[in-house]
Amino acid sequence: MSHPMTEVLNHWKAAFDGRRPDEMAGLFTADALFQGFGPAVLTGRDAVRGYYEAVPSGRRAEFEVLHTYTIGEQVAGGFADVTFGDADGWEARVHLSLVLRRDDGHWRIRQYHVSRVDSAH
């Protein structure tokens, strides 16, 4: 059995690559905290849905899980490297940290934070 971080990111990637913002929002808890590329911290599924609705079509994501942890049976998380890209050559590399919580029998994202990787260093 794989770690919850890998399971959630596999669903997240499929929904992101398929440009399905409703499915993306469903991967988050109702009270999720979300820090994407913008400066604002977003709260809740509706805000997450709006964020992903604004992502240009054709964007895709590749990820590699770097570290994971589990706290009891209700909390898990970890770190991943993610590369976003599109067919026109746009690319953005980020570090992603997630905190996951069991919610109605499913692992959902409670906290999502990206930190852009500066390729100059």
PDB file of N, CA and C in Angstrom:
ATOM      1  N   MET A   1       0.843  -1.181   0.000  1.00  0.00           N
ATOM      2  CA  MET A   1       0.000   0.000   0.000  1.00  0.00           C
ATOM      3  C   MET A   1       0.889   1.244   0.000  1.00  0.00           C
ATOM      4  N   SER A   2       0.591   2.154  -0.871  1.00  0.00           N
ATOM      5  CA  SER A   2       1.402   3.366  -0.961  1.00  0.00           C
ATOM      6  C   SER A   2       1.014   4.352   0.134  1.00  0.00           C
ATOM      7  N   HIS A   3       1.867   5.326   0.344  1.00  0.00           N
ATOM      8  CA  HIS A   3       1.630   6.353   1.347  1.00  0.00           C
ATOM      9  C   HIS A   3       0.488   7.264   0.887  1.00  0.00           C
ATOM     10  N   PRO A   4      -0.306   7.810   1.813  1.00  0.00           N
ATOM     11  CA  PRO A   4      -1.406   8.722   1.440  1.00  0.00           C
ATOM     12  C   PRO A   4      -0.946   9.899   0.575  1.00  0.00           C
ATOM     13  N   MET A   5       0.262  10.387   0.796  1.00  0.00           N
ATOM     14  CA  MET A   5       0.791  11.509  -0.001  1.00  0.00           C
ATOM     15  C   MET A   5       0.840  11.131  -1.478  1.00  0.00           C
ATOM     16  N   THR A   6       1.336   9.950  -1.778  1.00  0.00           N
ATOM     17  CA  THR A   6       1.422   9.489  -3.165  1.00  0.00           C
ATOM     18  C   THR A   6       0.033   9.285  -3.754  1.00  0.00           C
ATOM     19  N   GLU A   7      -0.857   8.686  -2.982  1.00  0.00           N
ATOM     20  CA  GLU A   7      -2.225   8.456  -3.463  1.00  0.00           C
ATOM     21  C   GLU A   7      -2.915   9.772  -3.801  1.00  0.00           C
ATOM     22  N   VAL A   8      -2.837  10.750  -2.894  1.00  0.00           N
ATOM     23  CA  VAL A   8      -3.496  12.038  -3.120  1.00  0.00           C
ATOM     24  C   VAL A   8      -2.873  12.746  -4.319  1.00  0.00           C
ATOM     25  N   LEU A   9      -1.541  12.736  -4.420  1.00  0.00           N
ATOM     26  CA  LEU A   9      -0.899  13.420  -5.545  1.00  0.00           C
ATOM     27  C   LEU A   9      -1.205  12.749  -6.880  1.00  0.00           C
ATOM     28  N   ASN A  10      -1.392  11.448  -6.898  1.00  0.00           N
ATOM     29  CA  ASN A  10      -1.804  10.785  -8.148  1.00  0.00           C
ATOM     30  C   ASN A  10      -3.180  11.284  -8.586  1.00  0.00           C
ATOM     31  N   HIS A  11      -4.127  11.412  -7.653  1.00  0.00           N
ATOM     32  CA  HIS A  11      -5.460  11.946  -7.976  1.00  0.00           C
ATOM     33  C   HIS A  11      -5.363  13.414  -8.383  1.00  0.00           C
ATOM     34  N   TRP A  12      -4.553  14.174  -7.646  1.00  0.00           N
ATOM     35  CA  TRP A  12      -4.362  15.605  -7.922  1.00  0.00           C
ATOM     36  C   TRP A  12      -3.812  15.800  -9.338  1.00  0.00           C
ATOM     37  N   LYS A  13      -2.791  15.025  -9.707  1.00  0.00           N
ATOM     38  CA  LYS A  13      -2.187  15.131 -11.046  1.00  0.00           C
ATOM     39  C   LYS A  13      -3.213  14.810 -12.131  1.00  0.00           C
ATOM     40  N   ALA A  14      -3.978  13.744 -11.953  1.00  0.00           N
ATOM     41  CA  ALA A  14      -4.978  13.362 -12.954  1.00  0.00           C
ATOM     42  C   ALA A  14      -6.014  14.476 -13.133  1.00  0.00           C
ATOM     43  N   ALA A  15      -6.467  15.059 -12.037  1.00  0.00           N
ATOM     44  CA  ALA A  15      -7.459  16.135 -12.118  1.00  0.00           C
ATOM     45  C   ALA A  15      -6.842  17.405 -12.691  1.00  0.00           C
ATOM     46  N   PHE A  16      -5.604  17.716 -12.301  1.00  0.00           N
ATOM     47  CA  PHE A  16      -4.934  18.912 -12.825  1.00  0.00           C
ATOM     48  C   PHE A  16      -4.700  18.777 -14.322  1.00  0.00           C
ATOM     49  N   ASP A  17      -4.095  17.661 -14.732  1.00  0.00           N
ATOM     50  CA  ASP A  17      -3.804  17.450 -16.153  1.00  0.00           C
ATOM     51  C   ASP A  17      -5.081  17.425 -16.987  1.00  0.00           C
ATOM     52  N   GLY A  18      -6.180  16.939 -16.398  1.00  0.00           N
ATOM     53  CA  GLY A  18      -7.461  16.866 -17.103  1.00  0.00           C
ATOM     54  C   GLY A  18      -8.280  18.136 -16.995  1.00  0.00           C
ATOM     55  N   ARG A  19      -7.742  19.144 -16.323  1.00  0.00           N
ATOM     56  CA  ARG A  19      -8.415  20.443 -16.121  1.00  0.00           C
ATOM     57  C   ARG A  19      -9.831  20.257 -15.587  1.00  0.00           C
ATOM     58  N   ARG A  20      -9.898  19.594 -14.403  1.00  0.00           N
ATOM     59  CA  ARG A  20     -11.178  19.317 -13.745  1.00  0.00           C
ATOM     60  C   ARG A  20     -11.200  20.010 -12.373  1.00  0.00           C
ATOM     61  N   PRO A  21     -11.520  21.315 -12.342  1.00  0.00           N
ATOM     62  CA  PRO A  21     -11.459  22.078 -11.086  1.00  0.00           C
ATOM     63  C   PRO A  21     -12.403  21.573  -9.989  1.00  0.00           C
ATOM     64  N   ASP A  22     -13.567  21.031 -10.350  1.00  0.00           N
ATOM     65  CA  ASP A  22     -14.461  20.496  -9.318  1.00  0.00           C
ATOM     66  C   ASP A  22     -13.829  19.289  -8.630  1.00  0.00           C
ATOM     67  N   GLU A  23     -13.192  18.435  -9.423  1.00  0.00           N
ATOM     68  CA  GLU A  23     -12.509  17.276  -8.870  1.00  0.00           C
ATOM     69  C   GLU A  23     -11.319  17.723  -8.014  1.00  0.00           C
ATOM     70  N   MET A  24     -10.610  18.754  -8.478  1.00  0.00           N
ATOM     71  CA  MET A  24      -9.489  19.296  -7.703  1.00  0.00           C
ATOM     72  C   MET A  24      -9.992  19.766  -6.340  1.00  0.00           C
ATOM     73  N   ALA A  25     -11.053  20.544  -6.325  1.00  0.00           N
ATOM     74  CA  ALA A  25     -11.585  21.075  -5.069  1.00  0.00           C
ATOM     75  C   ALA A  25     -11.995  19.951  -4.121  1.00  0.00           C
ATOM     76  N   GLY A  26     -12.517  18.856  -4.664  1.00  0.00           N
ATOM     77  CA  GLY A  26     -12.919  17.725  -3.848  1.00  0.00           C
ATOM     78  C   GLY A  26     -11.773  17.006  -3.164  1.00  0.00           C
ATOM     79  N   LEU A  27     -10.550  17.265  -3.596  1.00  0.00           N
ATOM     80  CA  LEU A  27      -9.383  16.660  -2.961  1.00  0.00           C
ATOM     81  C   LEU A  27      -8.969  17.403  -1.692  1.00  0.00           C
ATOM     82  N   PHE A  28      -9.599  18.545  -1.446  1.00  0.00           N
ATOM     83  CA  PHE A  28      -9.256  19.389  -0.303  1.00  0.00           C
ATOM     84  C   PHE A  28     -10.336  19.313   0.767  1.00  0.00           C
ATOM     85  N   THR A  29      -9.941  19.549   2.023  1.00  0.00           N
ATOM     86  CA  THR A  29     -10.927  19.631   3.099  1.00  0.00           C
ATOM     87  C   THR A  29     -11.730  20.912   2.935  1.00  0.00           C
ATOM     88  N   ALA A  30     -12.891  20.966   3.562  1.00  0.00           N
ATOM     89  CA  ALA A  30     -13.744  22.153   3.461  1.00  0.00           C
ATOM     90  C   ALA A  30     -13.053  23.393   4.040  1.00  0.00           C
ATOM     91  N   ASP A  31     -12.144  23.191   4.994  1.00  0.00           N
ATOM     92  CA  ASP A  31     -11.452  24.309   5.642  1.00  0.00           C
ATOM     93  C   ASP A  31      -9.981  24.420   5.207  1.00  0.00           C
ATOM     94  N   ALA A  32      -9.661  23.917   4.030  1.00  0.00           N
ATOM     95  CA  ALA A  32      -8.272  23.883   3.557  1.00  0.00           C
ATOM     96  C   ALA A  32      -7.634  25.265   3.502  1.00  0.00           C
ATOM     97  N   LEU A  33      -6.339  25.280   3.763  1.00  0.00           N
ATOM     98  CA  LEU A  33      -5.496  26.461   3.550  1.00  0.00           C
ATOM     99  C   LEU A  33      -4.665  26.189   2.313  1.00  0.00           C
ATOM    100  N   PHE A  34      -4.632  27.151   1.381  1.00  0.00           N
ATOM    101  CA  PHE A  34      -4.015  26.932   0.071  1.00  0.00           C
ATOM    102  C   PHE A  34      -3.120  28.113  -0.276  1.00  0.00           C
ATOM    103  N   GLN A  35      -1.849  27.841  -0.518  1.00  0.00           N
ATOM    104  CA  GLN A  35      -0.898  28.863  -0.972  1.00  0.00           C
ATOM    105  C   GLN A  35      -0.312  28.373  -2.286  1.00  0.00           C
ATOM    106  N   GLY A  36      -0.811  28.937  -3.381  1.00  0.00           N
ATOM    107  CA  GLY A  36      -0.325  28.577  -4.709  1.00  0.00           C
ATOM    108  C   GLY A  36       0.730  29.572  -5.175  1.00  0.00           C
ATOM    109  N   PHE A  37       0.717  29.904  -6.456  1.00  0.00           N
ATOM    110  CA  PHE A  37       1.692  30.834  -7.026  1.00  0.00           C
ATOM    111  C   PHE A  37       1.436  32.284  -6.613  1.00  0.00           C
ATOM    112  N   GLY A  38       0.199  32.620  -6.303  1.00  0.00           N
ATOM    113  CA  GLY A  38      -0.131  33.994  -5.941  1.00  0.00           C
ATOM    114  C   GLY A  38       0.248  34.311  -4.507  1.00  0.00           C
ATOM    115  N   PRO A  39       0.194  35.591  -4.134  1.00  0.00           N
ATOM    116  CA  PRO A  39       0.598  35.979  -2.779  1.00  0.00           C
ATOM    117  C   PRO A  39      -0.456  35.700  -1.708  1.00  0.00           C
ATOM    118  N   ALA A  40      -1.707  35.532  -2.100  1.00  0.00           N
ATOM    119  CA  ALA A  40      -2.782  35.362  -1.117  1.00  0.00           C
ATOM    120  C   ALA A  40      -2.883  33.914  -0.647  1.00  0.00           C
ATOM    121  N   VAL A  41      -3.166  33.746   0.645  1.00  0.00           N
ATOM    122  CA  VAL A  41      -3.504  32.438   1.183  1.00  0.00           C
ATOM    123  C   VAL A  41      -5.009  32.282   1.025  1.00  0.00           C
ATOM    124  N   LEU A  42      -5.423  31.226   0.349  1.00  0.00           N
ATOM    125  CA  LEU A  42      -6.838  30.974   0.094  1.00  0.00           C
ATOM    126  C   LEU A  42      -7.364  29.988   1.122  1.00  0.00           C
ATOM    127  N   THR A  43      -8.660  30.063   1.368  1.00  0.00           N
ATOM    128  CA  THR A  43      -9.283  29.183   2.358  1.00  0.00           C
ATOM    129  C   THR A  43     -10.530  28.546   1.764  1.00  0.00           C
ATOM    130  N   GLY A  44     -10.618  27.219   1.871  1.00  0.00           N
ATOM    131  CA  GLY A  44     -11.825  26.496   1.496  1.00  0.00           C
ATOM    132  C   GLY A  44     -11.858  26.005   0.061  1.00  0.00           C
ATOM    133  N   ARG A  45     -12.768  25.077  -0.174  1.00  0.00           N
ATOM    134  CA  ARG A  45     -12.889  24.422  -1.482  1.00  0.00           C
ATOM    135  C   ARG A  45     -13.286  25.374  -2.606  1.00  0.00           C
ATOM    136  N   ASP A  46     -14.177  26.319  -2.332  1.00  0.00           N
ATOM    137  CA  ASP A  46     -14.593  27.247  -3.388  1.00  0.00           C
ATOM    138  C   ASP A  46     -13.413  28.069  -3.883  1.00  0.00           C
ATOM    139  N   ALA A  47     -12.561  28.506  -2.970  1.00  0.00           N
ATOM    140  CA  ALA A  47     -11.375  29.277  -3.354  1.00  0.00           C
ATOM    141  C   ALA A  47     -10.402  28.415  -4.149  1.00  0.00           C
ATOM    142  N   VAL A  48     -10.242  27.160  -3.740  1.00  0.00           N
ATOM    143  CA  VAL A  48      -9.369  26.233  -4.462  1.00  0.00           C
ATOM    144  C   VAL A  48      -9.916  26.006  -5.874  1.00  0.00           C
ATOM    145  N   ARG A  49     -11.217  25.793  -5.984  1.00  0.00           N
ATOM    146  CA  ARG A  49     -11.856  25.605  -7.296  1.00  0.00           C
ATOM    147  C   ARG A  49     -11.595  26.817  -8.187  1.00  0.00           C
ATOM    148  N   GLY A  50     -11.794  28.009  -7.660  1.00  0.00           N
ATOM    149  CA  GLY A  50     -11.554  29.226  -8.427  1.00  0.00           C
ATOM    150  C   GLY A  50     -10.116  29.356  -8.875  1.00  0.00           C
ATOM    151  N   TYR A  51      -9.190  28.978  -8.012  1.00  0.00           N
ATOM    152  CA  TYR A  51      -7.767  29.021  -8.363  1.00  0.00           C
ATOM    153  C   TYR A  51      -7.500  28.122  -9.572  1.00  0.00           C
ATOM    154  N   TYR A  52      -7.975  26.890  -9.504  1.00  0.00           N
ATOM    155  CA  TYR A  52      -7.712  25.938 -10.595  1.00  0.00           C
ATOM    156  C   TYR A  52      -8.502  26.260 -11.852  1.00  0.00           C
ATOM    157  N   GLU A  53      -9.661  26.890 -11.731  1.00  0.00           N
ATOM    158  CA  GLU A  53     -10.399  27.326 -12.924  1.00  0.00           C
ATOM    159  C   GLU A  53      -9.604  28.367 -13.708  1.00  0.00           C
ATOM    160  N   ALA A  54      -8.774  29.153 -13.027  1.00  0.00           N
ATOM    161  CA  ALA A  54      -7.991  30.215 -13.670  1.00  0.00           C
ATOM    162  C   ALA A  54      -6.689  29.716 -14.293  1.00  0.00           C
ATOM    163  N   VAL A  55      -6.321  28.469 -14.050  1.00  0.00           N
ATOM    164  CA  VAL A  55      -5.094  27.928 -14.643  1.00  0.00           C
ATOM    165  C   VAL A  55      -5.310  27.777 -16.147  1.00  0.00           C
ATOM    166  N   PRO A  56      -4.375  28.289 -16.958  1.00  0.00           N
ATOM    167  CA  PRO A  56      -4.525  28.165 -18.412  1.00  0.00           C
ATOM    168  C   PRO A  56      -4.639  26.700 -18.852  1.00  0.00           C
ATOM    169  N   SER A  57      -5.455  26.459 -19.867  1.00  0.00           N
ATOM    170  CA  SER A  57      -5.607  25.088 -20.365  1.00  0.00           C
ATOM    171  C   SER A  57      -4.283  24.601 -20.947  1.00  0.00           C
ATOM    172  N   GLY A  58      -4.122  23.307 -20.927  1.00  0.00           N
ATOM    173  CA  GLY A  58      -2.910  22.702 -21.478  1.00  0.00           C
ATOM    174  C   GLY A  58      -1.778  22.545 -20.484  1.00  0.00           C
ATOM    175  N   ARG A  59      -1.967  23.020 -19.278  1.00  0.00           N
ATOM    176  CA  ARG A  59      -0.919  22.867 -18.256  1.00  0.00           C
ATOM    177  C   ARG A  59      -0.958  21.449 -17.708  1.00  0.00           C
ATOM    178  N   ARG A  60       0.233  20.943 -17.403  1.00  0.00           N
ATOM    179  CA  ARG A  60       0.365  19.600 -16.858  1.00  0.00           C
ATOM    180  C   ARG A  60       1.338  19.641 -15.690  1.00  0.00           C
ATOM    181  N   ALA A  61       1.314  18.600 -14.891  1.00  0.00           N
ATOM    182  CA  ALA A  61       2.198  18.532 -13.729  1.00  0.00           C
ATOM    183  C   ALA A  61       2.855  17.165 -13.638  1.00  0.00           C
ATOM    184  N   GLU A  62       4.122  17.171 -13.253  1.00  0.00           N
ATOM    185  CA  GLU A  62       4.856  15.943 -12.929  1.00  0.00           C
ATOM    186  C   GLU A  62       5.370  16.116 -11.507  1.00  0.00           C
ATOM    187  N   PHE A  63       5.316  15.050 -10.715  1.00  0.00           N
ATOM    188  CA  PHE A  63       5.768  15.173  -9.330  1.00  0.00           C
ATOM    189  C   PHE A  63       6.653  14.011  -8.929  1.00  0.00           C
ATOM    190  N   GLU A  64       7.474  14.286  -7.920  1.00  0.00           N
ATOM    191  CA  GLU A  64       8.290  13.263  -7.275  1.00  0.00           C
ATOM    192  C   GLU A  64       8.164  13.480  -5.770  1.00  0.00           C
ATOM    193  N   VAL A  65       7.672  12.487  -5.068  1.00  0.00           N
ATOM    194  CA  VAL A  65       7.552  12.571  -3.617  1.00  0.00           C
ATOM    195  C   VAL A  65       8.946  12.406  -3.020  1.00  0.00           C
ATOM    196  N   LEU A  66       9.308  13.354  -2.139  1.00  0.00           N
ATOM    197  CA  LEU A  66      10.642  13.338  -1.529  1.00  0.00           C
ATOM    198  C   LEU A  66      10.634  12.780  -0.115  1.00  0.00           C
ATOM    199  N   HIS A  67       9.682  13.204   0.705  1.00  0.00           N
ATOM    200  CA  HIS A  67       9.598  12.781   2.101  1.00  0.00           C
ATOM    201  C   HIS A  67       8.129  12.675   2.495  1.00  0.00           C
ATOM    202  N   THR A  68       7.839  11.706   3.341  1.00  0.00           N
ATOM    203  CA  THR A  68       6.472  11.546   3.846  1.00  0.00           C
ATOM    204  C   THR A  68       6.508  11.304   5.354  1.00  0.00           C
ATOM    205  N   TYR A  69       5.368  11.550   5.976  1.00  0.00           N
ATOM    206  CA  TYR A  69       5.210  11.235   7.394  1.00  0.00           C
ATOM    207  C   TYR A  69       3.752  10.879   7.648  1.00  0.00           C
ATOM    208  N   THR A  70       3.520  10.205   8.751  1.00  0.00           N
ATOM    209  CA  THR A  70       2.177   9.873   9.198  1.00  0.00           C
ATOM    210  C   THR A  70       2.121  10.137  10.696  1.00  0.00           C
ATOM    211  N   ILE A  71       1.063  10.756  11.151  1.00  0.00           N
ATOM    212  CA  ILE A  71       0.823  10.974  12.575  1.00  0.00           C
ATOM    213  C   ILE A  71      -0.471  10.257  12.912  1.00  0.00           C
ATOM    214  N   GLY A  72      -0.359   9.133  13.552  1.00  0.00           N
ATOM    215  CA  GLY A  72      -1.546   8.339  13.886  1.00  0.00           C
ATOM    216  C   GLY A  72      -2.254   7.883  12.621  1.00  0.00           C
ATOM    217  N   GLU A  73      -3.568   7.789  12.716  1.00  0.00           N
ATOM    218  CA  GLU A  73      -4.362   7.321  11.581  1.00  0.00           C
ATOM    219  C   GLU A  73      -5.108   8.437  10.874  1.00  0.00           C
ATOM    220  N   GLN A  74      -4.958   9.683  11.352  1.00  0.00           N
ATOM    221  CA  GLN A  74      -5.757  10.783  10.817  1.00  0.00           C
ATOM    222  C   GLN A  74      -4.965  11.866  10.093  1.00  0.00           C
ATOM    223  N   VAL A  75      -3.643  11.905  10.267  1.00  0.00           N
ATOM    224  CA  VAL A  75      -2.837  12.983   9.689  1.00  0.00           C
ATOM    225  C   VAL A  75      -1.620  12.392   8.992  1.00  0.00           C
ATOM    226  N   ALA A  76      -1.321  12.927   7.820  1.00  0.00           N
ATOM    227  CA  ALA A  76      -0.135  12.522   7.061  1.00  0.00           C
ATOM    228  C   ALA A  76       0.301  13.716   6.222  1.00  0.00           C
ATOM    229  N   GLY A  77       1.404  13.583   5.563  1.00  0.00           N
ATOM    230  CA  GLY A  77       1.862  14.658   4.699  1.00  0.00           C
ATOM    231  C   GLY A  77       3.267  14.414   4.209  1.00  0.00           C
ATOM    232  N   GLY A  78       3.856  15.489   3.677  1.00  0.00           N
ATOM    233  CA  GLY A  78       5.214  15.366   3.191  1.00  0.00           C
ATOM    234  C   GLY A  78       5.565  16.455   2.205  1.00  0.00           C
ATOM    235  N   PHE A  79       6.662  16.195   1.490  1.00  0.00           N
ATOM    236  CA  PHE A  79       7.208  17.131   0.522  1.00  0.00           C
ATOM    237  C   PHE A  79       7.366  16.450  -0.830  1.00  0.00           C
ATOM    238  N   ALA A  80       7.180  17.235  -1.893  1.00  0.00           N
ATOM    239  CA  ALA A  80       7.366  16.733  -3.259  1.00  0.00           C
ATOM    240  C   ALA A  80       7.975  17.844  -4.104  1.00  0.00           C
ATOM    241  N   ASP A  81       8.667  17.448  -5.136  1.00  0.00           N
ATOM    242  CA  ASP A  81       9.063  18.380  -6.180  1.00  0.00           C
ATOM    243  C   ASP A  81       8.048  18.239  -7.303  1.00  0.00           C
ATOM    244  N   VAL A  82       7.582  19.373  -7.814  1.00  0.00           N
ATOM    245  CA  VAL A  82       6.590  19.370  -8.889  1.00  0.00           C
ATOM    246  C   VAL A  82       7.110  20.266 -10.014  1.00  0.00           C
ATOM    247  N   THR A  83       6.969  19.793 -11.235  1.00  0.00           N
ATOM    248  CA  THR A  83       7.275  20.608 -12.406  1.00  0.00           C
ATOM    249  C   THR A  83       5.995  20.777 -13.202  1.00  0.00           C
ATOM    250  N   PHE A  84       5.575  22.028 -13.338  1.00  0.00           N
ATOM    251  CA  PHE A  84       4.420  22.375 -14.163  1.00  0.00           C
ATOM    252  C   PHE A  84       4.947  22.764 -15.541  1.00  0.00           C
ATOM    253  N   GLY A  85       4.209  22.429 -16.584  1.00  0.00           N
ATOM    254  CA  GLY A  85       4.630  22.798 -17.923  1.00  0.00           C
ATOM    255  C   GLY A  85       3.470  22.797 -18.887  1.00  0.00           C
ATOM    256  N   ASP A  86       3.761  23.256 -20.111  1.00  0.00           N
ATOM    257  CA  ASP A  86       2.763  23.199 -21.180  1.00  0.00           C
ATOM    258  C   ASP A  86       3.457  22.939 -22.503  1.00  0.00           C
ATOM    259  N   ALA A  87       2.681  22.763 -23.560  1.00  0.00           N
ATOM    260  CA  ALA A  87       3.210  22.412 -24.880  1.00  0.00           C
ATOM    261  C   ALA A  87       4.027  23.538 -25.504  1.00  0.00           C
ATOM    262  N   ASP A  88       3.843  24.777 -25.020  1.00  0.00           N
ATOM    263  CA  ASP A  88       4.588  25.915 -25.573  1.00  0.00           C
ATOM    264  C   ASP A  88       5.949  26.104 -24.925  1.00  0.00           C
ATOM    265  N   GLY A  89       6.308  25.238 -23.981  1.00  0.00           N
ATOM    266  CA  GLY A  89       7.617  25.322 -23.349  1.00  0.00           C
ATOM    267  C   GLY A  89       7.650  26.050 -22.020  1.00  0.00           C
ATOM    268  N   TRP A  90       6.498  26.590 -21.575  1.00  0.00           N
ATOM    269  CA  TRP A  90       6.460  27.210 -20.254  1.00  0.00           C
ATOM    270  C   TRP A  90       6.726  26.142 -19.206  1.00  0.00           C
ATOM    271  N   GLU A  91       7.514  26.477 -18.193  1.00  0.00           N
ATOM    272  CA  GLU A  91       7.813  25.529 -17.130  1.00  0.00           C
ATOM    273  C   GLU A  91       8.020  26.268 -15.814  1.00  0.00           C
ATOM    274  N   ALA A  92       7.549  25.670 -14.751  1.00  0.00           N
ATOM    275  CA  ALA A  92       7.769  26.199 -13.405  1.00  0.00           C
ATOM    276  C   ALA A  92       8.023  25.024 -12.475  1.00  0.00           C
ATOM    277  N   ARG A  93       9.137  25.099 -11.767  1.00  0.00           N
ATOM    278  CA  ARG A  93       9.476  24.063 -10.791  1.00  0.00           C
ATOM    279  C   ARG A  93       9.171  24.603  -9.400  1.00  0.00           C
ATOM    280  N   VAL A  94       8.548  23.756  -8.566  1.00  0.00           N
ATOM    281  CA  VAL A  94       8.214  24.157  -7.207  1.00  0.00           C
ATOM    282  C   VAL A  94       8.496  23.022  -6.227  1.00  0.00           C
ATOM    283  N   HIS A  95       8.678  23.417  -4.986  1.00  0.00           N
ATOM    284  CA  HIS A  95       8.617  22.481  -3.871  1.00  0.00           C
ATOM    285  C   HIS A  95       7.184  22.559  -3.364  1.00  0.00           C
ATOM    286  N   LEU A  96       6.591  21.423  -3.074  1.00  0.00           N
ATOM    287  CA  LEU A  96       5.218  21.356  -2.591  1.00  0.00           C
ATOM    288  C   LEU A  96       5.206  20.660  -1.242  1.00  0.00           C
ATOM    289  N   SER A  97       4.554  21.282  -0.273  1.00  0.00           N
ATOM    290  CA  SER A  97       4.344  20.604   1.007  1.00  0.00           C
ATOM    291  C   SER A  97       2.840  20.457   1.218  1.00  0.00           C
ATOM    292  N   LEU A  98       2.466  19.299   1.712  1.00  0.00           N
ATOM    293  CA  LEU A  98       1.063  18.994   1.979  1.00  0.00           C
ATOM    294  C   LEU A  98       0.892  18.491   3.402  1.00  0.00           C
ATOM    295  N   VAL A  99      -0.214  18.883   4.011  1.00  0.00           N
ATOM    296  CA  VAL A  99      -0.696  18.253   5.230  1.00  0.00           C
ATOM    297  C   VAL A  99      -2.029  17.623   4.850  1.00  0.00           C
ATOM    298  N   LEU A 100      -2.160  16.340   5.111  1.00  0.00           N
ATOM    299  CA  LEU A 100      -3.356  15.581   4.753  1.00  0.00           C
ATOM    300  C   LEU A 100      -4.112  15.183   6.012  1.00  0.00           C
ATOM    301  N   ARG A 101      -5.432  15.113   5.885  1.00  0.00           N
ATOM    302  CA  ARG A 101      -6.268  14.694   7.007  1.00  0.00           C
ATOM    303  C   ARG A 101      -7.312  13.704   6.494  1.00  0.00           C
ATOM    304  N   ARG A 102      -7.581  12.678   7.297  1.00  0.00           N
ATOM    305  CA  ARG A 102      -8.677  11.755   6.970  1.00  0.00           C
ATOM    306  C   ARG A 102      -9.973  12.512   7.136  1.00  0.00           C
ATOM    307  N   ASP A 103     -10.819  12.457   6.118  1.00  0.00           N
ATOM    308  CA  ASP A 103     -12.059  13.218   6.096  1.00  0.00           C
ATOM    309  C   ASP A 103     -13.110  12.352   5.421  1.00  0.00           C
ATOM    310  N   ASP A 104     -14.104  11.902   6.171  1.00  0.00           N
ATOM    311  CA  ASP A 104     -15.144  11.016   5.633  1.00  0.00           C
ATOM    312  C   ASP A 104     -14.564   9.785   4.941  1.00  0.00           C
ATOM    313  N   GLY A 105     -13.536   9.213   5.549  1.00  0.00           N
ATOM    314  CA  GLY A 105     -12.938   7.995   5.019  1.00  0.00           C
ATOM    315  C   GLY A 105     -11.953   8.197   3.884  1.00  0.00           C
ATOM    316  N   HIS A 106     -11.674   9.441   3.511  1.00  0.00           N
ATOM    317  CA  HIS A 106     -10.744   9.737   2.421  1.00  0.00           C
ATOM    318  C   HIS A 106      -9.633  10.649   2.920  1.00  0.00           C
ATOM    319  N   TRP A 107      -8.461  10.505   2.332  1.00  0.00           N
ATOM    320  CA  TRP A 107      -7.394  11.456   2.602  1.00  0.00           C
ATOM    321  C   TRP A 107      -7.641  12.699   1.767  1.00  0.00           C
ATOM    322  N   ARG A 108      -7.654  13.851   2.429  1.00  0.00           N
ATOM    323  CA  ARG A 108      -7.848  15.123   1.734  1.00  0.00           C
ATOM    324  C   ARG A 108      -6.762  16.103   2.159  1.00  0.00           C
ATOM    325  N   ILE A 109      -6.528  17.066   1.310  1.00  0.00           N
ATOM    326  CA  ILE A 109      -5.493  18.063   1.558  1.00  0.00           C
ATOM    327  C   ILE A 109      -6.046  19.123   2.510  1.00  0.00           C
ATOM    328  N   ARG A 110      -5.411  19.282   3.651  1.00  0.00           N
ATOM    329  CA  ARG A 110      -5.793  20.295   4.636  1.00  0.00           C
ATOM    330  C   ARG A 110      -4.963  21.565   4.435  1.00  0.00           C
ATOM    331  N   GLN A 111      -3.684  21.359   4.060  1.00  0.00           N
ATOM    332  CA  GLN A 111      -2.810  22.505   3.822  1.00  0.00           C
ATOM    333  C   GLN A 111      -1.922  22.221   2.620  1.00  0.00           C
ATOM    334  N   TYR A 112      -1.853  23.199   1.716  1.00  0.00           N
ATOM    335  CA  TYR A 112      -1.126  23.084   0.444  1.00  0.00           C
ATOM    336  C   TYR A 112      -0.256  24.329   0.321  1.00  0.00           C
ATOM    337  N   HIS A 113       1.034  24.124   0.097  1.00  0.00           N
ATOM    338  CA  HIS A 113       1.933  25.269  -0.030  1.00  0.00           C
ATOM    339  C   HIS A 113       2.993  24.976  -1.084  1.00  0.00           C
ATOM    340  N   VAL A 114       3.120  25.882  -2.062  1.00  0.00           N
ATOM    341  CA  VAL A 114       4.189  25.773  -3.051  1.00  0.00           C
ATOM    342  C   VAL A 114       5.210  26.874  -2.819  1.00  0.00           C
ATOM    343  N   SER A 115       6.448  26.522  -3.106  1.00  0.00           N
ATOM    344  CA  SER A 115       7.550  27.456  -3.055  1.00  0.00           C
ATOM    345  C   SER A 115       8.314  27.294  -4.357  1.00  0.00           C
ATOM    346  N   ARG A 116       8.341  28.358  -5.144  1.00  0.00           N
ATOM    347  CA  ARG A 116       8.967  28.287  -6.467  1.00  0.00           C
ATOM    348  C   ARG A 116      10.473  28.059  -6.317  1.00  0.00           C
ATOM    349  N   VAL A 117      11.019  27.189  -7.156  1.00  0.00           N
ATOM    350  CA  VAL A 117      12.437  26.895  -7.148  1.00  0.00           C
ATOM    351  C   VAL A 117      13.121  27.876  -8.098  1.00  0.00           C
ATOM    352  N   ASP A 118      14.073  28.607  -7.589  1.00  0.00           N
ATOM    353  CA  ASP A 118      14.836  29.562  -8.386  1.00  0.00           C
ATOM    354  C   ASP A 118      15.936  28.795  -9.105  1.00  0.00           C
ATOM    355  N   SER A 119      15.850  28.719 -10.429  1.00  0.00           N
ATOM    356  CA  SER A 119      16.806  27.948 -11.209  1.00  0.00           C
ATOM    357  C   SER A 119      18.159  28.622 -11.316  1.00  0.00           C
ATOM    358  N   ALA A 120      18.286  29.866 -10.839  1.00  0.00           N
ATOM    359  CA  ALA A 120      19.565  30.582 -10.919  1.00  0.00           C
ATOM    360  C   ALA A 120      20.544  30.112  -9.852  1.00  0.00           C
ATOM    361  N   HIS A 121      20.077  29.351  -8.872  1.00  0.00           N
ATOM    362  CA  HIS A 121      20.972  28.917  -7.803  1.00  0.00           C
ATOM    363  C   HIS A 121      21.268  27.447  -7.885  1.00  0.00           C
TER     364      HIS A 121
END
